[in-house]
Amino acid sequence: MNIYISSLFEGFWLNIRLFVLTLAMAIPLGLVITFGSMAKFRPLKWLVRTFVWIIRGTPLMLQLFVVLYAPGLLFGVPMKSRMTAAIVAFVVNYAAYFSEIYRGGIESIPKGQYEAGAVLGMTRSQVFFKVILLQVIKRIVPPMSNEIITLTKDTALARVIGIAEIIMCAERFTKQGLIWPLFSTGLFFLAFNGVLTIVLGWIERRLDYFKV
């Protein structure tokens, strides 16, 4: 029994690593992509929006395969680590989704607030960081929370490129006639998502003081 439990925990640790690393890199990268998609320089704007459209319009599973195999097949430089390939694919995918959430939040703020800040002598960057940003954060927390919860489950897709995450570990035991490890993976995800739901709910309540 201990061997089975230990194997499931090792697999879930990979899921958690992929989750944490994806969030740590996709959140700031998404903001950079947002600024590109909102740029006044039209070629850059449409290039970035086309990139986001492609990423959002194709399956994450396909993107995992492309990131793993494309460097070797196209440039003769094979991806050395499957975990690295998974991280790159997840970061790019979720950064694209986050960028659209950011863009929606920023564009939902009335333009009059920028004009009011300019009248008060504030620069555009001062208006954004001191006036707009808090309002944007409050508005994007609910959709960001949904994407973060989805990410925890999407980490299971890493198995398609040979990452030994929790479901792959559990599936191996079915060859021994055991089905309970496979069902128990749901408990791991439910527990982790339960904690995330509490934390994200707390963050949302903390922002209730700021009315928009």
N, C-alpha and C. Protein backbone atom coordinates (compact mmCIF):
# COMPACT_ATOMS: atom_id res chain seq x y z
N MET A 1 0.83 -1.21 0.00
CA MET A 1 0.00 0.00 0.00
C MET A 1 0.86 1.26 0.00
N ASN A 2 1.93 1.25 0.83
CA ASN A 2 2.79 2.43 0.90
C ASN A 2 3.46 2.72 -0.43
N ILE A 3 3.78 1.66 -1.19
CA ILE A 3 4.42 1.84 -2.49
C ILE A 3 3.48 2.57 -3.44
N TYR A 4 2.21 2.18 -3.41
CA TYR A 4 1.22 2.81 -4.28
C TYR A 4 1.02 4.28 -3.93
N ILE A 5 0.84 4.53 -2.64
CA ILE A 5 0.63 5.91 -2.18
C ILE A 5 1.84 6.78 -2.51
N SER A 6 3.03 6.23 -2.28
CA SER A 6 4.26 6.98 -2.55
C SER A 6 4.36 7.33 -4.03
N SER A 7 4.01 6.38 -4.90
CA SER A 7 4.07 6.61 -6.34
C SER A 7 3.08 7.70 -6.75
N LEU A 8 1.88 7.68 -6.17
CA LEU A 8 0.88 8.70 -6.49
C LEU A 8 1.34 10.08 -6.04
N PHE A 9 1.96 10.15 -4.87
CA PHE A 9 2.45 11.45 -4.39
C PHE A 9 3.58 11.97 -5.28
N GLU A 10 4.45 11.07 -5.73
CA GLU A 10 5.53 11.49 -6.62
C GLU A 10 4.95 12.04 -7.93
N GLY A 11 3.94 11.36 -8.45
CA GLY A 11 3.30 11.84 -9.67
C GLY A 11 2.62 13.18 -9.46
N PHE A 12 1.93 13.32 -8.34
CA PHE A 12 1.22 14.58 -8.08
C PHE A 12 2.20 15.72 -7.85
N TRP A 13 3.38 15.41 -7.35
CA TRP A 13 4.40 16.44 -7.15
C TRP A 13 4.79 17.05 -8.50
N LEU A 14 4.84 16.21 -9.55
CA LEU A 14 5.11 16.74 -10.89
C LEU A 14 3.98 17.65 -11.38
N ASN A 15 2.73 17.25 -11.08
CA ASN A 15 1.60 18.12 -11.43
C ASN A 15 1.72 19.48 -10.75
N ILE A 16 2.07 19.46 -9.47
CA ILE A 16 2.19 20.70 -8.71
C ILE A 16 3.33 21.56 -9.24
N ARG A 17 4.46 20.94 -9.55
CA ARG A 17 5.60 21.69 -10.11
C ARG A 17 5.20 22.36 -11.42
N LEU A 18 4.54 21.62 -12.28
CA LEU A 18 4.10 22.18 -13.56
C LEU A 18 3.12 23.31 -13.34
N PHE A 19 2.22 23.15 -12.38
CA PHE A 19 1.23 24.18 -12.06
C PHE A 19 1.91 25.46 -11.57
N VAL A 20 2.80 25.33 -10.61
CA VAL A 20 3.45 26.50 -10.00
C VAL A 20 4.33 27.22 -11.02
N LEU A 21 5.14 26.47 -11.76
CA LEU A 21 6.03 27.09 -12.74
C LEU A 21 5.24 27.77 -13.86
N THR A 22 4.15 27.16 -14.28
CA THR A 22 3.31 27.78 -15.31
C THR A 22 2.75 29.10 -14.83
N LEU A 23 2.19 29.12 -13.63
CA LEU A 23 1.63 30.36 -13.10
C LEU A 23 2.70 31.43 -12.94
N ALA A 24 3.86 31.05 -12.39
CA ALA A 24 4.92 32.01 -12.11
C ALA A 24 5.39 32.72 -13.38
N MET A 25 5.36 32.02 -14.50
CA MET A 25 5.85 32.61 -15.76
C MET A 25 4.73 33.13 -16.66
N ALA A 26 3.57 32.47 -16.64
CA ALA A 26 2.48 32.86 -17.54
C ALA A 26 1.81 34.16 -17.11
N ILE A 27 1.73 34.41 -15.80
CA ILE A 27 1.07 35.64 -15.33
C ILE A 27 1.79 36.90 -15.81
N PRO A 28 3.11 37.02 -15.61
CA PRO A 28 3.79 38.23 -16.14
C PRO A 28 3.88 38.23 -17.67
N LEU A 29 4.09 37.05 -18.29
CA LEU A 29 4.18 36.99 -19.74
C LEU A 29 2.85 37.40 -20.38
N GLY A 30 1.76 37.02 -19.75
CA GLY A 30 0.45 37.41 -20.26
C GLY A 30 0.28 38.91 -20.30
N LEU A 31 0.83 39.60 -19.30
CA LEU A 31 0.73 41.07 -19.26
C LEU A 31 1.54 41.69 -20.40
N VAL A 32 2.71 41.12 -20.67
CA VAL A 32 3.54 41.59 -21.78
C VAL A 32 2.80 41.41 -23.10
N ILE A 33 2.17 40.25 -23.28
CA ILE A 33 1.41 39.99 -24.50
C ILE A 33 0.24 40.97 -24.62
N THR A 34 -0.38 41.30 -23.49
CA THR A 34 -1.48 42.26 -23.49
C THR A 34 -1.05 43.61 -24.02
N PHE A 35 0.09 44.09 -23.54
CA PHE A 35 0.59 45.38 -24.01
C PHE A 35 0.87 45.34 -25.51
N GLY A 36 1.35 44.18 -26.00
CA GLY A 36 1.58 44.03 -27.44
C GLY A 36 0.28 44.06 -28.23
N SER A 37 -0.75 43.40 -27.69
CA SER A 37 -2.03 43.34 -28.40
C SER A 37 -2.79 44.66 -28.35
N MET A 38 -2.38 45.56 -27.45
CA MET A 38 -3.03 46.86 -27.33
C MET A 38 -2.14 47.99 -27.87
N ALA A 39 -1.02 47.61 -28.49
CA ALA A 39 -0.06 48.61 -28.98
C ALA A 39 -0.69 49.46 -30.09
N LYS A 40 -0.25 50.69 -30.17
CA LYS A 40 -0.73 51.59 -31.22
C LYS A 40 -0.06 51.30 -32.56
N PHE A 41 1.09 50.61 -32.51
CA PHE A 41 1.79 50.22 -33.72
C PHE A 41 1.05 49.01 -34.31
N ARG A 42 0.30 49.22 -35.37
CA ARG A 42 -0.63 48.21 -35.89
C ARG A 42 0.03 46.88 -36.28
N PRO A 43 1.18 46.88 -36.94
CA PRO A 43 1.79 45.58 -37.29
C PRO A 43 2.06 44.72 -36.05
N LEU A 44 2.57 45.34 -34.98
CA LEU A 44 2.82 44.60 -33.74
C LEU A 44 1.51 44.13 -33.13
N LYS A 45 0.53 45.02 -33.11
CA LYS A 45 -0.77 44.69 -32.54
C LYS A 45 -1.39 43.47 -33.21
N TRP A 46 -1.42 43.46 -34.54
CA TRP A 46 -2.06 42.35 -35.25
C TRP A 46 -1.21 41.09 -35.26
N LEU A 47 0.11 41.25 -35.17
CA LEU A 47 0.98 40.08 -35.05
C LEU A 47 0.72 39.37 -33.73
N VAL A 48 0.65 40.14 -32.65
CA VAL A 48 0.40 39.56 -31.33
C VAL A 48 -0.99 38.95 -31.25
N ARG A 49 -1.98 39.65 -31.79
CA ARG A 49 -3.35 39.12 -31.74
C ARG A 49 -3.50 37.85 -32.57
N THR A 50 -2.77 37.77 -33.69
CA THR A 50 -2.79 36.55 -34.49
C THR A 50 -2.16 35.40 -33.72
N PHE A 51 -1.07 35.67 -33.04
CA PHE A 51 -0.41 34.66 -32.20
C PHE A 51 -1.36 34.15 -31.13
N VAL A 52 -2.04 35.07 -30.44
CA VAL A 52 -2.99 34.69 -29.39
C VAL A 52 -4.13 33.87 -29.98
N TRP A 53 -4.61 34.28 -31.15
CA TRP A 53 -5.69 33.54 -31.81
C TRP A 53 -5.29 32.10 -32.14
N ILE A 54 -4.06 31.93 -32.60
CA ILE A 54 -3.57 30.59 -32.93
C ILE A 54 -3.45 29.73 -31.67
N ILE A 55 -2.90 30.29 -30.63
CA ILE A 55 -2.71 29.54 -29.38
C ILE A 55 -4.05 29.17 -28.76
N ARG A 56 -4.98 30.12 -28.74
CA ARG A 56 -6.29 29.84 -28.15
C ARG A 56 -7.14 28.93 -29.03
N GLY A 57 -6.85 28.91 -30.32
CA GLY A 57 -7.67 28.15 -31.25
C GLY A 57 -7.20 26.74 -31.53
N THR A 58 -6.05 26.35 -30.96
CA THR A 58 -5.54 25.00 -31.16
C THR A 58 -5.45 24.28 -29.82
N PRO A 59 -5.55 22.94 -29.83
CA PRO A 59 -5.54 22.19 -28.56
C PRO A 59 -4.18 22.26 -27.85
N LEU A 60 -4.24 22.31 -26.54
CA LEU A 60 -3.02 22.30 -25.74
C LEU A 60 -2.22 21.02 -25.99
N MET A 61 -2.93 19.91 -26.22
CA MET A 61 -2.25 18.65 -26.49
C MET A 61 -1.38 18.76 -27.74
N LEU A 62 -1.91 19.38 -28.79
CA LEU A 62 -1.13 19.58 -30.01
C LEU A 62 0.08 20.47 -29.75
N GLN A 63 -0.11 21.51 -28.96
CA GLN A 63 1.00 22.41 -28.64
C GLN A 63 2.10 21.69 -27.87
N LEU A 64 1.74 20.75 -27.03
CA LEU A 64 2.74 19.96 -26.31
C LEU A 64 3.60 19.17 -27.29
N PHE A 65 2.97 18.54 -28.26
CA PHE A 65 3.71 17.77 -29.25
C PHE A 65 4.61 18.68 -30.09
N VAL A 66 4.08 19.84 -30.50
CA VAL A 66 4.85 20.77 -31.33
C VAL A 66 6.09 21.25 -30.59
N VAL A 67 5.93 21.65 -29.33
CA VAL A 67 7.08 22.15 -28.56
C VAL A 67 8.11 21.06 -28.35
N LEU A 68 7.66 19.82 -28.15
CA LEU A 68 8.60 18.71 -27.92
C LEU A 68 9.36 18.33 -29.18
N TYR A 69 8.66 18.25 -30.32
CA TYR A 69 9.28 17.70 -31.52
C TYR A 69 9.76 18.74 -32.53
N ALA A 70 9.13 19.91 -32.59
CA ALA A 70 9.48 20.89 -33.62
C ALA A 70 10.95 21.33 -33.59
N PRO A 71 11.54 21.63 -32.43
CA PRO A 71 12.95 22.07 -32.44
C PRO A 71 13.88 21.04 -33.10
N GLY A 72 13.65 19.77 -32.83
CA GLY A 72 14.50 18.74 -33.41
C GLY A 72 14.24 18.53 -34.88
N LEU A 73 12.97 18.50 -35.29
CA LEU A 73 12.62 18.22 -36.68
C LEU A 73 12.91 19.41 -37.60
N LEU A 74 12.73 20.63 -37.10
CA LEU A 74 12.90 21.81 -37.94
C LEU A 74 14.29 22.41 -37.88
N PHE A 75 14.93 22.34 -36.72
CA PHE A 75 16.22 23.03 -36.53
C PHE A 75 17.36 22.10 -36.15
N GLY A 76 17.07 20.81 -35.99
CA GLY A 76 18.11 19.87 -35.62
C GLY A 76 18.59 20.01 -34.20
N VAL A 77 17.80 20.67 -33.36
CA VAL A 77 18.16 20.84 -31.94
C VAL A 77 17.04 20.23 -31.10
N PRO A 78 17.13 18.94 -30.81
CA PRO A 78 16.06 18.27 -30.08
C PRO A 78 15.90 18.81 -28.66
N MET A 79 14.66 18.82 -28.20
CA MET A 79 14.36 19.23 -26.83
C MET A 79 14.93 18.16 -25.88
N LYS A 80 15.82 18.57 -24.98
CA LYS A 80 16.50 17.61 -24.12
C LYS A 80 15.63 17.11 -22.98
N SER A 81 14.70 17.95 -22.52
CA SER A 81 13.88 17.59 -21.37
C SER A 81 12.41 17.67 -21.72
N ARG A 82 11.69 16.59 -21.46
CA ARG A 82 10.25 16.59 -21.70
C ARG A 82 9.53 17.51 -20.72
N MET A 83 10.06 17.63 -19.52
CA MET A 83 9.46 18.54 -18.54
C MET A 83 9.60 19.98 -19.01
N THR A 84 10.75 20.32 -19.58
CA THR A 84 10.95 21.66 -20.12
C THR A 84 9.96 21.95 -21.25
N ALA A 85 9.76 20.96 -22.11
CA ALA A 85 8.80 21.11 -23.21
C ALA A 85 7.40 21.34 -22.67
N ALA A 86 7.04 20.61 -21.63
CA ALA A 86 5.71 20.76 -21.03
C ALA A 86 5.55 22.16 -20.44
N ILE A 87 6.58 22.63 -19.75
CA ILE A 87 6.52 23.95 -19.12
C ILE A 87 6.37 25.04 -20.18
N VAL A 88 7.16 24.95 -21.25
CA VAL A 88 7.09 25.95 -22.33
C VAL A 88 5.69 25.97 -22.94
N ALA A 89 5.16 24.79 -23.25
CA ALA A 89 3.83 24.72 -23.87
C ALA A 89 2.76 25.28 -22.96
N PHE A 90 2.80 24.92 -21.68
CA PHE A 90 1.79 25.41 -20.74
C PHE A 90 1.91 26.91 -20.53
N VAL A 91 3.13 27.40 -20.40
CA VAL A 91 3.33 28.84 -20.16
C VAL A 91 2.80 29.65 -21.34
N VAL A 92 3.15 29.25 -22.56
CA VAL A 92 2.70 29.99 -23.74
C VAL A 92 1.18 29.93 -23.86
N ASN A 93 0.60 28.75 -23.63
CA ASN A 93 -0.85 28.58 -23.74
C ASN A 93 -1.59 29.45 -22.73
N TYR A 94 -1.19 29.36 -21.48
CA TYR A 94 -1.92 30.11 -20.44
C TYR A 94 -1.61 31.60 -20.49
N ALA A 95 -0.42 31.98 -20.94
CA ALA A 95 -0.12 33.41 -21.09
C ALA A 95 -1.07 34.03 -22.11
N ALA A 96 -1.37 33.28 -23.18
CA ALA A 96 -2.29 33.79 -24.20
C ALA A 96 -3.69 33.99 -23.62
N TYR A 97 -4.15 33.03 -22.83
CA TYR A 97 -5.47 33.17 -22.20
C TYR A 97 -5.48 34.30 -21.18
N PHE A 98 -4.43 34.38 -20.36
CA PHE A 98 -4.36 35.45 -19.37
C PHE A 98 -4.33 36.82 -20.04
N SER A 99 -3.64 36.92 -21.19
CA SER A 99 -3.53 38.21 -21.87
C SER A 99 -4.90 38.73 -22.28
N GLU A 100 -5.79 37.83 -22.70
CA GLU A 100 -7.13 38.26 -23.08
C GLU A 100 -7.94 38.70 -21.86
N ILE A 101 -7.72 38.04 -20.74
CA ILE A 101 -8.39 38.46 -19.49
C ILE A 101 -7.90 39.84 -19.08
N TYR A 102 -6.57 40.05 -19.13
CA TYR A 102 -6.01 41.36 -18.81
C TYR A 102 -6.58 42.43 -19.72
N ARG A 103 -6.59 42.14 -21.03
CA ARG A 103 -7.05 43.12 -22.01
C ARG A 103 -8.51 43.49 -21.75
N GLY A 104 -9.33 42.49 -21.46
CA GLY A 104 -10.73 42.77 -21.16
C GLY A 104 -10.87 43.63 -19.92
N GLY A 105 -10.05 43.36 -18.90
CA GLY A 105 -10.11 44.15 -17.68
C GLY A 105 -9.68 45.59 -17.89
N ILE A 106 -8.60 45.78 -18.65
CA ILE A 106 -8.10 47.13 -18.91
C ILE A 106 -9.09 47.92 -19.75
N GLU A 107 -9.63 47.29 -20.79
CA GLU A 107 -10.54 48.00 -21.68
C GLU A 107 -11.91 48.27 -21.05
N SER A 108 -12.20 47.60 -19.92
CA SER A 108 -13.48 47.83 -19.25
C SER A 108 -13.48 49.09 -18.40
N ILE A 109 -12.29 49.66 -18.17
CA ILE A 109 -12.19 50.88 -17.38
C ILE A 109 -12.53 52.08 -18.26
N PRO A 110 -13.44 52.94 -17.81
CA PRO A 110 -13.82 54.10 -18.63
C PRO A 110 -12.62 54.98 -18.99
N LYS A 111 -12.57 55.44 -20.23
CA LYS A 111 -11.46 56.27 -20.69
C LYS A 111 -11.42 57.60 -19.96
N GLY A 112 -12.56 57.99 -19.37
CA GLY A 112 -12.60 59.25 -18.63
C GLY A 112 -11.64 59.28 -17.46
N GLN A 113 -11.32 58.09 -16.91
CA GLN A 113 -10.38 58.05 -15.79
C GLN A 113 -8.97 58.41 -16.23
N TYR A 114 -8.59 57.99 -17.45
CA TYR A 114 -7.30 58.39 -17.98
C TYR A 114 -7.27 59.90 -18.21
N GLU A 115 -8.36 60.43 -18.74
CA GLU A 115 -8.43 61.86 -19.02
C GLU A 115 -8.40 62.67 -17.73
N ALA A 116 -9.09 62.16 -16.69
CA ALA A 116 -9.08 62.86 -15.41
C ALA A 116 -7.68 62.89 -14.81
N GLY A 117 -6.96 61.79 -14.94
CA GLY A 117 -5.58 61.74 -14.44
C GLY A 117 -4.69 62.71 -15.18
N ALA A 118 -4.89 62.80 -16.50
CA ALA A 118 -4.09 63.74 -17.30
C ALA A 118 -4.36 65.18 -16.88
N VAL A 119 -5.62 65.49 -16.57
CA VAL A 119 -5.98 66.84 -16.12
C VAL A 119 -5.28 67.17 -14.80
N LEU A 120 -5.10 66.15 -13.96
CA LEU A 120 -4.43 66.34 -12.66
C LEU A 120 -2.91 66.38 -12.79
N GLY A 121 -2.42 66.24 -14.02
CA GLY A 121 -0.97 66.33 -14.23
C GLY A 121 -0.25 65.01 -14.10
N MET A 122 -0.97 63.90 -14.07
CA MET A 122 -0.35 62.58 -13.95
C MET A 122 0.04 62.08 -15.34
N THR A 123 1.15 61.34 -15.39
CA THR A 123 1.55 60.71 -16.64
C THR A 123 0.65 59.51 -16.88
N ARG A 124 0.69 58.97 -18.11
CA ARG A 124 -0.16 57.82 -18.43
C ARG A 124 0.21 56.59 -17.59
N SER A 125 1.52 56.43 -17.35
CA SER A 125 1.94 55.29 -16.53
C SER A 125 1.51 55.46 -15.08
N GLN A 126 1.54 56.69 -14.56
CA GLN A 126 1.08 56.95 -13.20
C GLN A 126 -0.41 56.68 -13.07
N VAL A 127 -1.17 57.09 -14.06
CA VAL A 127 -2.61 56.82 -14.04
C VAL A 127 -2.86 55.31 -14.03
N PHE A 128 -2.11 54.58 -14.86
CA PHE A 128 -2.33 53.13 -14.95
C PHE A 128 -2.02 52.45 -13.63
N PHE A 129 -0.85 52.73 -13.06
CA PHE A 129 -0.42 52.00 -11.87
C PHE A 129 -1.09 52.49 -10.59
N LYS A 130 -1.48 53.76 -10.53
CA LYS A 130 -2.06 54.30 -9.29
C LYS A 130 -3.58 54.37 -9.29
N VAL A 131 -4.19 54.36 -10.47
CA VAL A 131 -5.64 54.51 -10.55
C VAL A 131 -6.31 53.30 -11.18
N ILE A 132 -5.77 52.86 -12.30
CA ILE A 132 -6.44 51.83 -13.09
C ILE A 132 -6.16 50.41 -12.58
N LEU A 133 -4.91 50.16 -12.18
CA LEU A 133 -4.48 48.79 -11.89
C LEU A 133 -5.33 48.08 -10.84
N LEU A 134 -5.64 48.76 -9.73
CA LEU A 134 -6.43 48.13 -8.67
C LEU A 134 -7.82 47.74 -9.18
N GLN A 135 -8.39 48.59 -10.00
CA GLN A 135 -9.71 48.28 -10.55
C GLN A 135 -9.64 47.07 -11.50
N VAL A 136 -8.56 47.03 -12.29
CA VAL A 136 -8.38 45.91 -13.21
C VAL A 136 -8.21 44.60 -12.44
N ILE A 137 -7.41 44.64 -11.37
CA ILE A 137 -7.17 43.43 -10.57
C ILE A 137 -8.48 42.89 -10.03
N LYS A 138 -9.31 43.78 -9.51
CA LYS A 138 -10.59 43.33 -8.95
C LYS A 138 -11.46 42.67 -10.03
N ARG A 139 -11.46 43.23 -11.22
CA ARG A 139 -12.33 42.72 -12.27
C ARG A 139 -11.82 41.40 -12.88
N ILE A 140 -10.50 41.18 -12.84
CA ILE A 140 -9.98 39.97 -13.48
C ILE A 140 -9.84 38.79 -12.53
N VAL A 141 -9.99 39.02 -11.23
CA VAL A 141 -9.82 37.92 -10.28
C VAL A 141 -10.76 36.74 -10.56
N PRO A 142 -12.08 36.96 -10.77
CA PRO A 142 -12.96 35.81 -11.02
C PRO A 142 -12.58 35.00 -12.27
N PRO A 143 -12.38 35.65 -13.45
CA PRO A 143 -11.99 34.84 -14.61
C PRO A 143 -10.60 34.22 -14.47
N MET A 144 -9.69 34.90 -13.80
CA MET A 144 -8.36 34.33 -13.56
C MET A 144 -8.48 33.10 -12.67
N SER A 145 -9.36 33.17 -11.68
CA SER A 145 -9.56 32.03 -10.78
C SER A 145 -10.03 30.81 -11.56
N ASN A 146 -10.94 31.02 -12.50
CA ASN A 146 -11.42 29.91 -13.32
C ASN A 146 -10.29 29.28 -14.13
N GLU A 147 -9.44 30.12 -14.71
CA GLU A 147 -8.32 29.60 -15.51
C GLU A 147 -7.32 28.86 -14.63
N ILE A 148 -7.10 29.35 -13.43
CA ILE A 148 -6.15 28.70 -12.52
C ILE A 148 -6.67 27.32 -12.11
N ILE A 149 -7.96 27.22 -11.81
CA ILE A 149 -8.55 25.92 -11.48
C ILE A 149 -8.45 24.97 -12.68
N THR A 150 -8.69 25.51 -13.87
CA THR A 150 -8.58 24.68 -15.08
C THR A 150 -7.14 24.19 -15.27
N LEU A 151 -6.17 25.04 -14.94
CA LEU A 151 -4.77 24.67 -15.09
C LEU A 151 -4.42 23.44 -14.26
N THR A 152 -4.95 23.36 -13.03
CA THR A 152 -4.63 22.21 -12.18
C THR A 152 -5.02 20.91 -12.87
N LYS A 153 -6.15 20.91 -13.57
CA LYS A 153 -6.60 19.69 -14.25
C LYS A 153 -5.86 19.48 -15.57
N ASP A 154 -5.52 20.58 -16.24
CA ASP A 154 -4.81 20.46 -17.51
C ASP A 154 -3.41 19.89 -17.35
N THR A 155 -2.83 20.00 -16.16
CA THR A 155 -1.49 19.45 -15.96
C THR A 155 -1.45 17.96 -16.26
N ALA A 156 -2.61 17.30 -16.17
CA ALA A 156 -2.67 15.87 -16.48
C ALA A 156 -2.37 15.59 -17.95
N LEU A 157 -2.52 16.60 -18.81
CA LEU A 157 -2.24 16.42 -20.24
C LEU A 157 -0.76 16.20 -20.51
N ALA A 158 0.10 16.54 -19.54
CA ALA A 158 1.54 16.35 -19.73
C ALA A 158 1.89 14.89 -19.97
N ARG A 159 1.01 13.99 -19.61
CA ARG A 159 1.27 12.56 -19.80
C ARG A 159 1.40 12.20 -21.27
N VAL A 160 0.82 13.00 -22.17
CA VAL A 160 0.85 12.64 -23.59
C VAL A 160 2.26 12.73 -24.17
N ILE A 161 3.16 13.46 -23.51
CA ILE A 161 4.55 13.51 -23.96
C ILE A 161 5.48 12.79 -22.99
N GLY A 162 4.89 11.91 -22.18
CA GLY A 162 5.72 11.04 -21.35
C GLY A 162 6.09 11.58 -19.98
N ILE A 163 5.38 12.61 -19.51
CA ILE A 163 5.62 13.11 -18.16
C ILE A 163 4.86 12.21 -17.18
N ALA A 164 5.56 11.66 -16.20
CA ALA A 164 4.94 10.70 -15.27
C ALA A 164 4.16 11.43 -14.18
N GLU A 165 3.08 12.13 -14.60
CA GLU A 165 2.23 12.81 -13.61
C GLU A 165 1.32 11.78 -12.95
N ILE A 166 0.44 12.23 -12.07
CA ILE A 166 -0.27 11.32 -11.18
C ILE A 166 -1.15 10.31 -11.91
N ILE A 167 -1.84 10.73 -12.98
CA ILE A 167 -2.73 9.80 -13.67
C ILE A 167 -1.93 8.71 -14.39
N MET A 168 -0.79 9.07 -14.97
CA MET A 168 0.06 8.06 -15.59
C MET A 168 0.56 7.07 -14.56
N CYS A 169 0.95 7.58 -13.38
CA CYS A 169 1.42 6.69 -12.31
C CYS A 169 0.31 5.73 -11.89
N ALA A 170 -0.91 6.26 -11.77
CA ALA A 170 -2.03 5.43 -11.33
C ALA A 170 -2.40 4.40 -12.40
N GLU A 171 -2.30 4.80 -13.66
CA GLU A 171 -2.67 3.90 -14.75
C GLU A 171 -1.78 2.67 -14.80
N ARG A 172 -0.55 2.82 -14.39
CA ARG A 172 0.38 1.68 -14.40
C ARG A 172 -0.11 0.55 -13.51
N PHE A 173 -0.82 0.91 -12.43
CA PHE A 173 -1.28 -0.11 -11.50
C PHE A 173 -2.45 -0.92 -12.04
N THR A 174 -3.10 -0.41 -13.09
CA THR A 174 -4.22 -1.17 -13.66
C THR A 174 -3.72 -2.48 -14.28
N LYS A 175 -2.47 -2.51 -14.69
CA LYS A 175 -1.89 -3.74 -15.24
C LYS A 175 -1.74 -4.81 -14.16
N GLN A 176 -1.77 -4.36 -12.89
CA GLN A 176 -1.70 -5.30 -11.76
C GLN A 176 -3.09 -5.64 -11.24
N GLY A 177 -4.11 -5.17 -11.97
CA GLY A 177 -5.48 -5.47 -11.57
C GLY A 177 -6.04 -4.54 -10.51
N LEU A 178 -5.39 -3.40 -10.32
CA LEU A 178 -5.84 -2.44 -9.30
C LEU A 178 -6.49 -1.23 -9.98
N ILE A 179 -7.69 -0.89 -9.54
CA ILE A 179 -8.38 0.26 -10.10
C ILE A 179 -8.44 1.43 -9.13
N TRP A 180 -8.31 1.15 -7.82
CA TRP A 180 -8.47 2.22 -6.83
C TRP A 180 -7.43 3.34 -6.98
N PRO A 181 -6.16 3.06 -7.39
CA PRO A 181 -5.23 4.20 -7.55
C PRO A 181 -5.70 5.20 -8.60
N LEU A 182 -6.35 4.67 -9.66
CA LEU A 182 -6.84 5.56 -10.72
C LEU A 182 -7.95 6.47 -10.19
N PHE A 183 -8.89 5.90 -9.42
CA PHE A 183 -9.97 6.71 -8.85
C PHE A 183 -9.44 7.68 -7.79
N SER A 184 -8.41 7.26 -7.07
CA SER A 184 -7.89 8.10 -5.99
C SER A 184 -7.24 9.37 -6.51
N THR A 185 -6.83 9.36 -7.79
CA THR A 185 -6.24 10.60 -8.34
C THR A 185 -7.25 11.75 -8.27
N GLY A 186 -8.54 11.41 -8.38
CA GLY A 186 -9.57 12.45 -8.27
C GLY A 186 -9.54 13.12 -6.92
N LEU A 187 -9.21 12.35 -5.87
CA LEU A 187 -9.14 12.93 -4.52
C LEU A 187 -8.00 13.94 -4.42
N PHE A 188 -6.88 13.63 -5.06
CA PHE A 188 -5.75 14.56 -5.05
C PHE A 188 -6.15 15.89 -5.69
N PHE A 189 -6.79 15.81 -6.87
CA PHE A 189 -7.19 17.03 -7.56
C PHE A 189 -8.28 17.78 -6.80
N LEU A 190 -9.23 17.04 -6.22
CA LEU A 190 -10.30 17.68 -5.46
C LEU A 190 -9.73 18.42 -4.25
N ALA A 191 -8.78 17.79 -3.56
CA ALA A 191 -8.19 18.43 -2.38
C ALA A 191 -7.41 19.68 -2.77
N PHE A 192 -6.61 19.57 -3.83
CA PHE A 192 -5.81 20.71 -4.27
C PHE A 192 -6.68 21.86 -4.75
N ASN A 193 -7.71 21.52 -5.54
CA ASN A 193 -8.62 22.55 -6.02
C ASN A 193 -9.45 23.14 -4.90
N GLY A 194 -9.73 22.33 -3.87
CA GLY A 194 -10.45 22.86 -2.71
C GLY A 194 -9.65 23.94 -2.00
N VAL A 195 -8.35 23.68 -1.83
CA VAL A 195 -7.47 24.68 -1.20
C VAL A 195 -7.39 25.93 -2.07
N LEU A 196 -7.23 25.74 -3.38
CA LEU A 196 -7.16 26.89 -4.28
C LEU A 196 -8.44 27.71 -4.25
N THR A 197 -9.58 27.03 -4.21
CA THR A 197 -10.87 27.73 -4.17
C THR A 197 -10.98 28.61 -2.93
N ILE A 198 -10.52 28.09 -1.80
CA ILE A 198 -10.54 28.86 -0.55
C ILE A 198 -9.62 30.09 -0.66
N VAL A 199 -8.41 29.87 -1.17
CA VAL A 199 -7.44 30.96 -1.28
C VAL A 199 -7.93 32.04 -2.26
N LEU A 200 -8.40 31.60 -3.42
CA LEU A 200 -8.88 32.56 -4.42
C LEU A 200 -10.14 33.28 -3.96
N GLY A 201 -11.00 32.58 -3.22
CA GLY A 201 -12.18 33.22 -2.65
C GLY A 201 -11.80 34.27 -1.63
N TRP A 202 -10.76 33.98 -0.83
CA TRP A 202 -10.28 34.94 0.17
C TRP A 202 -9.74 36.19 -0.52
N ILE A 203 -8.99 36.00 -1.62
CA ILE A 203 -8.46 37.14 -2.37
C ILE A 203 -9.59 37.99 -2.92
N GLU A 204 -10.61 37.33 -3.44
CA GLU A 204 -11.75 38.07 -4.01
C GLU A 204 -12.48 38.87 -2.93
N ARG A 205 -12.61 38.28 -1.74
CA ARG A 205 -13.27 39.01 -0.64
C ARG A 205 -12.43 40.19 -0.17
N ARG A 206 -11.11 40.02 -0.20
CA ARG A 206 -10.23 41.11 0.22
C ARG A 206 -10.36 42.33 -0.70
N LEU A 207 -10.77 42.08 -1.94
CA LEU A 207 -10.91 43.18 -2.89
C LEU A 207 -12.30 43.78 -2.88
N ASP A 208 -13.19 43.26 -2.03
CA ASP A 208 -14.56 43.78 -1.98
C ASP A 208 -14.63 45.22 -1.52
N TYR A 209 -13.64 45.66 -0.75
CA TYR A 209 -13.66 47.03 -0.26
C TYR A 209 -13.54 48.04 -1.39
N PHE A 210 -12.97 47.56 -2.52
CA PHE A 210 -12.72 48.46 -3.64
C PHE A 210 -13.87 48.34 -4.62
N LYS A 211 -14.80 49.29 -4.58
CA LYS A 211 -15.99 49.24 -5.42
C LYS A 211 -15.70 49.80 -6.81
N VAL A 212 -16.15 49.05 -7.83
CA VAL A 212 -16.01 49.53 -9.20
C VAL A 212 -17.35 49.45 -9.89
